Amino acid sequence: MEIITKLPRYSDGEIDRAFMKEIQTGFKMEREQEKDRIKSVSQQAKQFKGVEHPTLGRPVASMPARDFFRLTQKYGHKEVHSKEFIKYFQKKMPELAPNKL
């Protein structure tokens, strides 16, 4: 068994630059991924236009899972499922609302 005792050491400046680079590229990448998620969900929402499920009824909104979980964590399940929020969401993002409430 070989134990590695000499790990590379980095200066504070190098670490700070690496963090800043990660933050800057991470935000850009997050925005690009968000666009892809919205595009994917809008394609799914188009499939639900005019469709009614026998038990669940008409789908009124589609949302990327990441956004849904962030909203429920911040505002709570009851608020995210309220009529007021769904109306707001349909107005704000009509491409993700296949049927009106």
Protein backbone atom coordinates (compact mmCIF):
# COMPACT_ATOMS: atom_id res chain seq x y z
CA MET A 1 0.00 0.00 0.00
CA GLU A 2 1.36 3.39 -0.97
CA ILE A 3 0.37 6.48 0.99
CA ILE A 4 0.55 9.76 -0.86
CA THR A 5 2.02 12.33 1.45
CA LYS A 6 2.96 15.08 -0.94
CA LEU A 7 -0.21 16.56 -2.31
CA PRO A 8 0.06 19.63 -4.50
CA ARG A 9 -0.32 22.87 -2.55
CA TYR A 10 -2.20 25.79 -4.00
CA SER A 11 -1.92 29.43 -3.02
CA ASP A 12 -4.96 31.42 -1.89
CA GLY A 13 -4.83 33.39 -5.15
CA GLU A 14 -5.01 30.24 -7.24
CA ILE A 15 -7.93 28.93 -5.23
CA ASP A 16 -9.76 32.27 -5.48
CA ARG A 17 -9.27 32.37 -9.25
CA ALA A 18 -10.49 28.78 -9.59
CA PHE A 19 -13.62 29.59 -7.52
CA MET A 20 -14.34 32.71 -9.57
CA LYS A 21 -13.92 30.79 -12.84
CA GLU A 22 -16.27 28.06 -11.59
CA ILE A 23 -18.87 30.60 -10.49
CA GLN A 24 -18.76 32.52 -13.78
CA THR A 25 -18.89 29.45 -16.01
CA GLY A 26 -21.37 27.72 -13.68
CA PHE A 27 -23.93 30.53 -13.99
CA LYS A 28 -23.56 30.56 -17.78
CA MET A 29 -23.96 26.79 -17.94
CA GLU A 30 -26.99 26.93 -15.61
CA ARG A 31 -28.71 29.47 -17.89
CA GLU A 32 -28.04 27.31 -20.95
CA GLN A 33 -29.37 24.21 -19.20
CA GLU A 34 -32.44 26.16 -18.08
CA LYS A 35 -33.21 27.05 -21.71
CA ASP A 36 -32.90 23.37 -22.66
CA ARG A 37 -35.18 22.30 -19.80
CA ILE A 38 -37.81 24.90 -20.77
CA LYS A 39 -37.63 23.80 -24.41
CA SER A 40 -38.09 20.15 -23.46
CA VAL A 41 -41.02 20.85 -21.15
CA SER A 42 -42.72 23.10 -23.72
CA GLN A 43 -42.58 20.24 -26.23
CA GLN A 44 -44.23 17.98 -23.64
CA ALA A 45 -46.85 20.63 -22.92
CA LYS A 46 -47.80 20.78 -26.61
CA GLN A 47 -48.69 17.08 -26.42
CA PHE A 48 -51.13 17.78 -23.58
CA LYS A 49 -53.04 20.52 -25.40
CA GLY A 50 -56.74 19.61 -25.50
CA VAL A 51 -56.15 16.26 -23.76
CA GLU A 52 -58.07 15.25 -20.67
CA HIS A 53 -57.07 12.44 -18.34
CA PRO A 54 -60.04 10.36 -17.11
CA THR A 55 -59.01 10.65 -13.46
CA LEU A 56 -56.76 13.69 -13.21
CA GLY A 57 -58.57 16.00 -15.63
CA ARG A 58 -56.93 18.58 -17.89
CA PRO A 59 -53.22 19.34 -17.44
CA VAL A 60 -52.98 23.09 -16.84
CA ALA A 61 -49.22 23.59 -16.40
CA SER A 62 -45.94 21.82 -17.03
CA MET A 63 -42.77 22.84 -15.25
CA PRO A 64 -39.20 21.55 -15.16
CA ALA A 65 -38.75 19.36 -12.09
CA ARG A 66 -35.84 21.44 -10.82
CA ASP A 67 -37.96 24.60 -10.83
CA PHE A 68 -40.91 22.82 -9.22
CA PHE A 69 -38.83 21.51 -6.33
CA ARG A 70 -37.16 24.90 -5.81
CA LEU A 71 -40.55 26.63 -5.68
CA THR A 72 -42.10 24.08 -3.32
CA GLN A 73 -39.09 24.34 -1.05
CA LYS A 74 -39.28 28.14 -1.00
CA TYR A 75 -43.07 28.71 -0.93
CA GLY A 76 -44.55 25.36 0.09
CA HIS A 77 -46.67 22.78 -1.69
CA LYS A 78 -49.97 24.47 -0.95
CA GLU A 79 -48.92 27.79 -2.49
CA VAL A 80 -47.44 26.25 -5.65
CA HIS A 81 -50.66 24.30 -6.24
CA SER A 82 -52.98 27.24 -5.55
CA LYS A 83 -55.22 28.70 -8.27
CA GLU A 84 -53.57 32.10 -7.97
CA PHE A 85 -50.10 30.68 -8.58
CA ILE A 86 -51.25 28.57 -11.54
CA LYS A 87 -52.94 31.60 -13.12
CA TYR A 88 -49.78 33.63 -12.59
CA PHE A 89 -47.65 30.83 -14.06
CA GLN A 90 -49.94 30.52 -17.10
CA LYS A 91 -49.66 34.26 -17.72
CA LYS A 92 -45.90 34.35 -17.16
CA MET A 93 -45.05 31.24 -19.25
CA PRO A 94 -47.88 30.53 -21.71
CA GLU A 95 -45.74 28.04 -23.67
CA LEU A 96 -45.79 25.75 -20.59
CA ALA A 97 -49.55 25.98 -20.06
CA PRO A 98 -51.29 23.54 -22.42
CA ASN A 99 -54.84 24.25 -21.17
CA LYS A 100 -56.36 27.20 -19.35
CA LEU A 101 -57.46 26.85 -15.76
